[in-house]
Amino acid sequence: MRETAFWQRTQGFGVTSRADIERIYNLRWFGRWTNSVTFSQKSQGVSMSAFDLMRGFATRRAIALELEIDGQTDAQVPLHNYGTKFAYRQAVLRKWLIMEVRTSVSWPKDLPQQERRVSPGVGMGFEMLSGRTSFFARPVTF
């Protein structure tokens, strides 16, 4: 559980409550369920929920899957977006250089008259580990 008070120019003063439930399965899979609710001067009840499933492999490789949903209770469109992401991570050239390839698909909707349309995505990122930092299965691009 985490409580965060904030001020942003676009939101004013606000507070975010976040809860994470994590579990390791068979010492190979890591699952996390994240729920977040934000109340601010400009918006009420902005919420997000995501489920992540990650697996690291012995050869400095990993995969990750995320299912996500977000919305705002007082908005014209309470369910803003839902979708999924998949990432593959691997050390390349050196032990300290990690390449990540990601794909995603979501169905956003901002206005009531709008139809939901598929929004695909692809991405690539690099992470450089320094010092005693070790390789993690968690993706950088999520």
N, C-alpha and C. Protein backbone atom coordinates (compact mmCIF):
# COMPACT_ATOMS: atom_id res chain seq x y z
N MET A 1 0.85 -1.18 0.00
CA MET A 1 0.00 0.00 0.00
C MET A 1 0.90 1.24 0.00
N ARG A 2 0.46 2.24 -0.75
CA ARG A 2 1.22 3.48 -0.81
C ARG A 2 0.25 4.65 -0.99
N GLU A 3 0.43 5.70 -0.22
CA GLU A 3 -0.33 6.94 -0.34
C GLU A 3 0.62 8.03 -0.81
N THR A 4 0.20 8.79 -1.81
CA THR A 4 1.04 9.87 -2.32
C THR A 4 0.20 11.13 -2.46
N ALA A 5 0.62 12.20 -1.80
CA ALA A 5 0.00 13.51 -1.97
C ALA A 5 0.83 14.25 -3.02
N PHE A 6 0.16 15.04 -3.88
CA PHE A 6 0.89 15.71 -4.95
C PHE A 6 0.24 17.03 -5.32
N TRP A 7 0.99 17.81 -6.09
CA TRP A 7 0.48 18.98 -6.78
C TRP A 7 1.02 18.94 -8.19
N GLN A 8 0.14 19.08 -9.18
CA GLN A 8 0.52 19.17 -10.59
C GLN A 8 -0.21 20.36 -11.18
N ARG A 9 0.43 21.01 -12.12
CA ARG A 9 -0.21 22.18 -12.73
C ARG A 9 -1.54 21.79 -13.40
N THR A 10 -1.60 20.63 -14.04
CA THR A 10 -2.82 20.22 -14.75
C THR A 10 -3.89 19.65 -13.82
N GLN A 11 -3.51 19.13 -12.65
CA GLN A 11 -4.46 18.48 -11.75
C GLN A 11 -4.70 19.24 -10.45
N GLY A 12 -3.82 20.15 -10.09
CA GLY A 12 -3.92 20.83 -8.80
C GLY A 12 -3.44 19.89 -7.70
N PHE A 13 -3.97 20.08 -6.49
CA PHE A 13 -3.60 19.21 -5.38
C PHE A 13 -4.41 17.92 -5.46
N GLY A 14 -3.78 16.83 -5.02
CA GLY A 14 -4.47 15.56 -5.06
C GLY A 14 -3.77 14.50 -4.24
N VAL A 15 -4.36 13.34 -4.23
CA VAL A 15 -3.81 12.20 -3.51
C VAL A 15 -4.05 10.94 -4.34
N THR A 16 -3.07 10.05 -4.34
CA THR A 16 -3.18 8.76 -5.03
C THR A 16 -2.99 7.65 -4.02
N SER A 17 -3.89 6.70 -4.03
CA SER A 17 -3.77 5.48 -3.21
C SER A 17 -3.46 4.33 -4.15
N ARG A 18 -2.43 3.56 -3.80
CA ARG A 18 -2.01 2.45 -4.65
C ARG A 18 -1.82 1.21 -3.80
N ALA A 19 -2.28 0.08 -4.31
CA ALA A 19 -2.09 -1.20 -3.63
C ALA A 19 -1.54 -2.20 -4.64
N ASP A 20 -0.50 -2.91 -4.24
CA ASP A 20 0.10 -3.96 -5.06
C ASP A 20 0.01 -5.28 -4.32
N ILE A 21 -0.44 -6.29 -5.00
CA ILE A 21 -0.42 -7.65 -4.46
C ILE A 21 0.50 -8.46 -5.36
N GLU A 22 1.53 -9.06 -4.76
CA GLU A 22 2.54 -9.78 -5.54
C GLU A 22 2.65 -11.21 -5.06
N ARG A 23 2.98 -12.09 -6.00
CA ARG A 23 3.14 -13.49 -5.65
C ARG A 23 4.11 -14.16 -6.61
N ILE A 24 4.93 -15.06 -6.09
CA ILE A 24 5.86 -15.85 -6.89
C ILE A 24 5.28 -17.25 -7.01
N TYR A 25 5.26 -17.78 -8.23
CA TYR A 25 4.74 -19.12 -8.50
C TYR A 25 5.87 -20.02 -8.95
N ASN A 26 6.05 -21.15 -8.29
CA ASN A 26 7.05 -22.16 -8.66
C ASN A 26 8.46 -21.60 -8.82
N LEU A 27 8.78 -20.54 -8.15
CA LEU A 27 10.08 -19.87 -8.22
C LEU A 27 10.47 -19.47 -9.64
N ARG A 28 9.51 -19.46 -10.56
CA ARG A 28 9.80 -19.09 -11.95
C ARG A 28 8.97 -17.90 -12.42
N TRP A 29 7.73 -17.84 -11.98
CA TRP A 29 6.81 -16.80 -12.43
C TRP A 29 6.54 -15.80 -11.31
N PHE A 30 6.48 -14.54 -11.68
CA PHE A 30 6.17 -13.48 -10.73
C PHE A 30 4.90 -12.78 -11.22
N GLY A 31 3.89 -12.68 -10.35
CA GLY A 31 2.65 -12.01 -10.70
C GLY A 31 2.42 -10.82 -9.80
N ARG A 32 1.88 -9.75 -10.37
CA ARG A 32 1.57 -8.55 -9.59
C ARG A 32 0.24 -7.98 -10.07
N TRP A 33 -0.62 -7.67 -9.09
CA TRP A 33 -1.88 -6.99 -9.39
C TRP A 33 -1.78 -5.62 -8.75
N THR A 34 -1.92 -4.58 -9.55
CA THR A 34 -1.81 -3.20 -9.09
C THR A 34 -3.15 -2.49 -9.26
N ASN A 35 -3.58 -1.82 -8.21
CA ASN A 35 -4.78 -0.99 -8.26
C ASN A 35 -4.42 0.39 -7.77
N SER A 36 -4.89 1.41 -8.47
CA SER A 36 -4.57 2.78 -8.11
C SER A 36 -5.81 3.66 -8.28
N VAL A 37 -6.04 4.55 -7.31
CA VAL A 37 -7.15 5.50 -7.38
C VAL A 37 -6.60 6.89 -7.05
N THR A 38 -6.95 7.87 -7.87
CA THR A 38 -6.48 9.24 -7.68
C THR A 38 -7.66 10.19 -7.56
N PHE A 39 -7.60 11.08 -6.58
CA PHE A 39 -8.56 12.17 -6.42
C PHE A 39 -7.75 13.46 -6.44
N SER A 40 -8.19 14.42 -7.28
CA SER A 40 -7.49 15.71 -7.34
C SER A 40 -8.52 16.82 -7.50
N GLN A 41 -8.05 18.06 -7.52
CA GLN A 41 -8.94 19.20 -7.68
C GLN A 41 -9.62 19.20 -9.06
N LYS A 42 -8.98 18.65 -10.06
CA LYS A 42 -9.52 18.65 -11.43
C LYS A 42 -10.28 17.37 -11.78
N SER A 43 -10.02 16.28 -11.09
CA SER A 43 -10.68 15.01 -11.45
C SER A 43 -11.02 14.23 -10.19
N GLN A 44 -12.04 13.42 -10.28
CA GLN A 44 -12.46 12.57 -9.16
C GLN A 44 -12.47 11.12 -9.61
N GLY A 45 -11.82 10.28 -8.88
CA GLY A 45 -11.91 8.85 -9.12
C GLY A 45 -11.20 8.35 -10.36
N VAL A 46 -10.02 8.84 -10.65
CA VAL A 46 -9.23 8.28 -11.73
C VAL A 46 -8.65 6.97 -11.22
N SER A 47 -8.98 5.87 -11.89
CA SER A 47 -8.51 4.59 -11.39
C SER A 47 -7.81 3.80 -12.48
N MET A 48 -6.93 2.91 -12.05
CA MET A 48 -6.18 2.07 -12.95
C MET A 48 -6.01 0.72 -12.28
N SER A 49 -6.12 -0.33 -13.05
CA SER A 49 -5.86 -1.66 -12.54
C SER A 49 -5.05 -2.40 -13.59
N ALA A 50 -4.02 -3.11 -13.15
CA ALA A 50 -3.17 -3.85 -14.08
C ALA A 50 -2.74 -5.16 -13.44
N PHE A 51 -2.62 -6.17 -14.29
CA PHE A 51 -2.09 -7.46 -13.85
C PHE A 51 -0.86 -7.74 -14.69
N ASP A 52 0.27 -7.97 -14.02
CA ASP A 52 1.53 -8.27 -14.70
C ASP A 52 1.97 -9.69 -14.36
N LEU A 53 2.47 -10.38 -15.36
CA LEU A 53 3.03 -11.72 -15.18
C LEU A 53 4.39 -11.71 -15.85
N MET A 54 5.45 -12.06 -15.08
CA MET A 54 6.81 -12.00 -15.58
C MET A 54 7.53 -13.31 -15.32
N ARG A 55 8.47 -13.63 -16.22
CA ARG A 55 9.31 -14.80 -16.01
C ARG A 55 10.71 -14.49 -16.49
N GLY A 56 11.67 -14.72 -15.59
CA GLY A 56 13.06 -14.56 -15.93
C GLY A 56 13.66 -15.92 -16.25
N PHE A 57 14.62 -15.94 -17.15
CA PHE A 57 15.31 -17.16 -17.52
C PHE A 57 16.78 -17.05 -17.12
N ALA A 58 17.44 -18.16 -16.97
CA ALA A 58 18.82 -18.19 -16.47
C ALA A 58 19.80 -17.48 -17.39
N THR A 59 19.52 -17.38 -18.65
CA THR A 59 20.45 -16.81 -19.61
C THR A 59 20.23 -15.31 -19.85
N ARG A 60 19.86 -14.59 -18.79
CA ARG A 60 19.64 -13.14 -18.85
C ARG A 60 18.61 -12.76 -19.91
N ARG A 61 17.52 -13.49 -19.88
CA ARG A 61 16.38 -13.23 -20.74
C ARG A 61 15.14 -13.21 -19.87
N ALA A 62 14.08 -12.56 -20.36
CA ALA A 62 12.84 -12.52 -19.60
C ALA A 62 11.68 -12.19 -20.53
N ILE A 63 10.48 -12.58 -20.10
CA ILE A 63 9.26 -12.19 -20.79
C ILE A 63 8.31 -11.57 -19.78
N ALA A 64 7.43 -10.71 -20.25
CA ALA A 64 6.45 -10.06 -19.38
C ALA A 64 5.16 -9.82 -20.16
N LEU A 65 4.05 -9.98 -19.47
CA LEU A 65 2.73 -9.74 -20.03
C LEU A 65 1.97 -8.84 -19.07
N GLU A 66 1.25 -7.86 -19.61
CA GLU A 66 0.44 -6.98 -18.77
C GLU A 66 -0.95 -6.83 -19.36
N LEU A 67 -1.95 -6.95 -18.52
CA LEU A 67 -3.34 -6.64 -18.86
C LEU A 67 -3.71 -5.41 -18.06
N GLU A 68 -4.29 -4.40 -18.70
CA GLU A 68 -4.50 -3.11 -18.05
C GLU A 68 -5.87 -2.53 -18.38
N ILE A 69 -6.43 -1.81 -17.43
CA ILE A 69 -7.69 -1.10 -17.61
C ILE A 69 -7.61 0.21 -16.83
N ASP A 70 -8.10 1.31 -17.43
CA ASP A 70 -8.11 2.57 -16.68
C ASP A 70 -9.33 3.41 -17.07
N GLY A 71 -9.72 4.26 -16.14
CA GLY A 71 -10.88 5.10 -16.37
C GLY A 71 -11.01 6.18 -15.32
N GLN A 72 -12.13 6.89 -15.39
CA GLN A 72 -12.41 7.97 -14.44
C GLN A 72 -13.90 7.97 -14.16
N THR A 73 -14.26 7.84 -12.90
CA THR A 73 -15.67 7.66 -12.54
C THR A 73 -16.55 8.84 -12.91
N ASP A 74 -16.02 10.06 -12.92
CA ASP A 74 -16.87 11.21 -13.25
C ASP A 74 -16.72 11.69 -14.69
N ALA A 75 -16.07 10.92 -15.53
CA ALA A 75 -15.85 11.33 -16.92
C ALA A 75 -17.05 10.97 -17.80
N GLN A 76 -17.14 11.59 -18.96
CA GLN A 76 -18.19 11.24 -19.92
C GLN A 76 -18.05 9.79 -20.38
N VAL A 77 -16.81 9.31 -20.45
CA VAL A 77 -16.52 7.92 -20.80
C VAL A 77 -15.79 7.32 -19.60
N PRO A 78 -16.51 6.64 -18.70
CA PRO A 78 -15.87 6.13 -17.48
C PRO A 78 -14.74 5.12 -17.75
N LEU A 79 -14.88 4.26 -18.77
CA LEU A 79 -13.83 3.31 -19.13
C LEU A 79 -13.02 3.92 -20.26
N HIS A 80 -11.89 4.51 -19.91
CA HIS A 80 -11.07 5.21 -20.90
C HIS A 80 -10.32 4.27 -21.82
N ASN A 81 -9.66 3.27 -21.27
CA ASN A 81 -8.79 2.42 -22.07
C ASN A 81 -8.64 1.04 -21.45
N TYR A 82 -8.47 0.03 -22.28
CA TYR A 82 -8.08 -1.29 -21.82
C TYR A 82 -7.23 -1.93 -22.89
N GLY A 83 -6.34 -2.83 -22.47
CA GLY A 83 -5.45 -3.45 -23.44
C GLY A 83 -4.44 -4.37 -22.80
N THR A 84 -3.49 -4.78 -23.60
CA THR A 84 -2.47 -5.72 -23.16
C THR A 84 -1.11 -5.33 -23.76
N LYS A 85 -0.05 -5.71 -23.06
CA LYS A 85 1.31 -5.46 -23.52
C LYS A 85 2.13 -6.73 -23.33
N PHE A 86 3.10 -6.95 -24.20
CA PHE A 86 4.01 -8.08 -24.08
C PHE A 86 5.42 -7.58 -24.35
N ALA A 87 6.37 -8.01 -23.52
CA ALA A 87 7.76 -7.58 -23.69
C ALA A 87 8.70 -8.77 -23.59
N TYR A 88 9.78 -8.70 -24.36
CA TYR A 88 10.86 -9.69 -24.31
C TYR A 88 12.14 -8.92 -24.04
N ARG A 89 12.89 -9.35 -23.01
CA ARG A 89 14.15 -8.70 -22.62
C ARG A 89 15.30 -9.68 -22.74
N GLN A 90 16.46 -9.19 -23.17
CA GLN A 90 17.62 -10.05 -23.30
C GLN A 90 18.90 -9.22 -23.25
N ALA A 91 19.92 -9.77 -22.61
CA ALA A 91 21.23 -9.12 -22.63
C ALA A 91 21.79 -9.27 -24.05
N VAL A 92 22.36 -8.18 -24.57
CA VAL A 92 22.95 -8.21 -25.91
C VAL A 92 24.37 -7.64 -25.86
N LEU A 93 25.28 -8.26 -26.56
CA LEU A 93 26.67 -7.84 -26.70
C LEU A 93 27.46 -7.88 -25.39
N ARG A 94 26.92 -7.35 -24.31
CA ARG A 94 27.56 -7.33 -22.99
C ARG A 94 26.54 -7.71 -21.93
N LYS A 95 27.02 -8.15 -20.76
CA LYS A 95 26.11 -8.51 -19.66
C LYS A 95 25.34 -7.31 -19.14
N TRP A 96 25.88 -6.11 -19.30
CA TRP A 96 25.27 -4.91 -18.75
C TRP A 96 24.34 -4.18 -19.73
N LEU A 97 24.24 -4.66 -20.99
CA LEU A 97 23.39 -4.01 -21.98
C LEU A 97 22.17 -4.89 -22.25
N ILE A 98 20.99 -4.38 -21.92
CA ILE A 98 19.74 -5.13 -22.05
C ILE A 98 18.90 -4.50 -23.15
N MET A 99 18.45 -5.33 -24.09
CA MET A 99 17.54 -4.88 -25.14
C MET A 99 16.14 -5.39 -24.81
N GLU A 100 15.16 -4.53 -25.03
CA GLU A 100 13.78 -4.91 -24.78
C GLU A 100 12.95 -4.60 -26.02
N VAL A 101 12.18 -5.59 -26.45
CA VAL A 101 11.25 -5.42 -27.57
C VAL A 101 9.85 -5.57 -26.99
N ARG A 102 8.96 -4.67 -27.38
CA ARG A 102 7.62 -4.66 -26.79
C ARG A 102 6.56 -4.52 -27.87
N THR A 103 5.43 -5.16 -27.64
CA THR A 103 4.27 -4.99 -28.49
C THR A 103 3.06 -4.76 -27.59
N SER A 104 2.08 -4.04 -28.10
CA SER A 104 0.89 -3.77 -27.30
C SER A 104 -0.32 -3.62 -28.21
N VAL A 105 -1.47 -3.78 -27.61
CA VAL A 105 -2.73 -3.52 -28.31
C VAL A 105 -3.71 -3.00 -27.26
N SER A 106 -4.40 -1.89 -27.60
CA SER A 106 -5.36 -1.32 -26.66
C SER A 106 -6.56 -0.77 -27.42
N TRP A 107 -7.61 -0.45 -26.68
CA TRP A 107 -8.84 0.06 -27.24
C TRP A 107 -9.24 1.33 -26.47
N PRO A 108 -8.66 2.48 -26.82
CA PRO A 108 -8.97 3.72 -26.10
C PRO A 108 -10.28 4.36 -26.59
N LYS A 109 -10.85 5.17 -25.71
CA LYS A 109 -12.05 5.95 -26.08
C LYS A 109 -12.06 7.19 -25.20
N ASP A 110 -12.04 8.37 -25.82
CA ASP A 110 -12.01 9.63 -25.08
C ASP A 110 -13.36 10.33 -25.03
N LEU A 111 -14.16 10.19 -26.08
CA LEU A 111 -15.44 10.90 -26.18
C LEU A 111 -16.59 9.91 -26.34
N PRO A 112 -17.78 10.22 -25.80
CA PRO A 112 -18.92 9.30 -25.88
C PRO A 112 -19.30 8.92 -27.31
N GLN A 113 -19.19 9.85 -28.25
CA GLN A 113 -19.59 9.57 -29.62
C GLN A 113 -18.53 8.78 -30.39
N GLN A 114 -17.37 8.65 -29.84
CA GLN A 114 -16.28 7.93 -30.47
C GLN A 114 -16.50 6.42 -30.39
N GLU A 115 -16.11 5.71 -31.44
CA GLU A 115 -16.11 4.25 -31.40
C GLU A 115 -14.73 3.78 -30.95
N ARG A 116 -14.70 2.69 -30.21
CA ARG A 116 -13.41 2.12 -29.82
C ARG A 116 -12.76 1.49 -31.05
N ARG A 117 -11.53 1.83 -31.28
CA ARG A 117 -10.76 1.24 -32.37
C ARG A 117 -9.47 0.69 -31.81
N VAL A 118 -9.02 -0.36 -32.41
CA VAL A 118 -7.79 -0.99 -31.95
C VAL A 118 -6.62 -0.03 -32.17
N SER A 119 -5.73 0.02 -31.18
CA SER A 119 -4.54 0.87 -31.24
C SER A 119 -3.31 -0.01 -30.98
N PRO A 120 -2.68 -0.53 -32.03
CA PRO A 120 -1.51 -1.39 -31.84
C PRO A 120 -0.26 -0.56 -31.56
N GLY A 121 0.72 -1.18 -30.94
CA GLY A 121 1.97 -0.49 -30.67
C GLY A 121 3.14 -1.45 -30.67
N VAL A 122 4.29 -0.97 -31.07
CA VAL A 122 5.54 -1.72 -30.99
C VAL A 122 6.60 -0.77 -30.47
N GLY A 123 7.59 -1.32 -29.81
CA GLY A 123 8.65 -0.48 -29.29
C GLY A 123 9.90 -1.27 -29.01
N MET A 124 10.97 -0.54 -28.86
CA MET A 124 12.25 -1.15 -28.52
C MET A 124 12.97 -0.20 -27.57
N GLY A 125 13.60 -0.76 -26.55
CA GLY A 125 14.33 0.06 -25.61
C GLY A 125 15.60 -0.63 -25.17
N PHE A 126 16.51 0.14 -24.62
CA PHE A 126 17.77 -0.39 -24.10
C PHE A 126 17.94 0.06 -22.67
N GLU A 127 18.51 -0.81 -21.86
CA GLU A 127 18.81 -0.50 -20.47
C GLU A 127 20.27 -0.85 -20.24
N MET A 128 20.99 0.06 -19.59
CA MET A 128 22.39 -0.20 -19.25
C MET A 128 22.49 -0.36 -17.74
N LEU A 129 22.99 -1.49 -17.32
CA LEU A 129 23.15 -1.78 -15.89
C LEU A 129 24.51 -1.26 -15.45
N SER A 130 24.56 -0.67 -14.26
CA SER A 130 25.83 -0.17 -13.75
C SER A 130 26.03 -0.63 -12.31
N GLY A 131 27.27 -0.68 -11.90
CA GLY A 131 27.59 -1.07 -10.53
C GLY A 131 27.14 -2.48 -10.22
N ARG A 132 26.44 -2.65 -9.12
CA ARG A 132 25.99 -3.98 -8.69
C ARG A 132 24.54 -4.26 -9.13
N THR A 133 24.01 -3.41 -9.98
CA THR A 133 22.65 -3.61 -10.47
C THR A 133 22.57 -4.92 -11.23
N SER A 134 21.54 -5.72 -10.93
CA SER A 134 21.41 -7.01 -11.61
C SER A 134 20.24 -7.00 -12.58
N PHE A 135 20.24 -7.97 -13.43
CA PHE A 135 19.20 -8.13 -14.45
C PHE A 135 17.86 -8.47 -13.78
N PHE A 136 16.81 -7.77 -14.16
CA PHE A 136 15.46 -8.04 -13.65
C PHE A 136 14.55 -8.43 -14.80
N ALA A 137 13.54 -9.24 -14.49
CA ALA A 137 12.56 -9.64 -15.50
C ALA A 137 11.60 -8.51 -15.82
N ARG A 138 11.41 -7.55 -14.89
CA ARG A 138 10.43 -6.49 -15.10
C ARG A 138 10.84 -5.61 -16.29
N PRO A 139 9.87 -5.29 -17.15
CA PRO A 139 10.18 -4.49 -18.33
C PRO A 139 10.37 -3.02 -18.00
N VAL A 140 11.18 -2.36 -18.78
CA VAL A 140 11.43 -0.94 -18.62
C VAL A 140 10.38 -0.13 -19.35
N THR A 141 9.84 -0.66 -20.45
CA THR A 141 8.94 0.12 -21.31
C THR A 141 7.48 0.09 -20.90
N PHE A 142 7.11 -0.64 -19.87
CA PHE A 142 5.70 -0.66 -19.43
C PHE A 142 5.41 0.56 -18.61
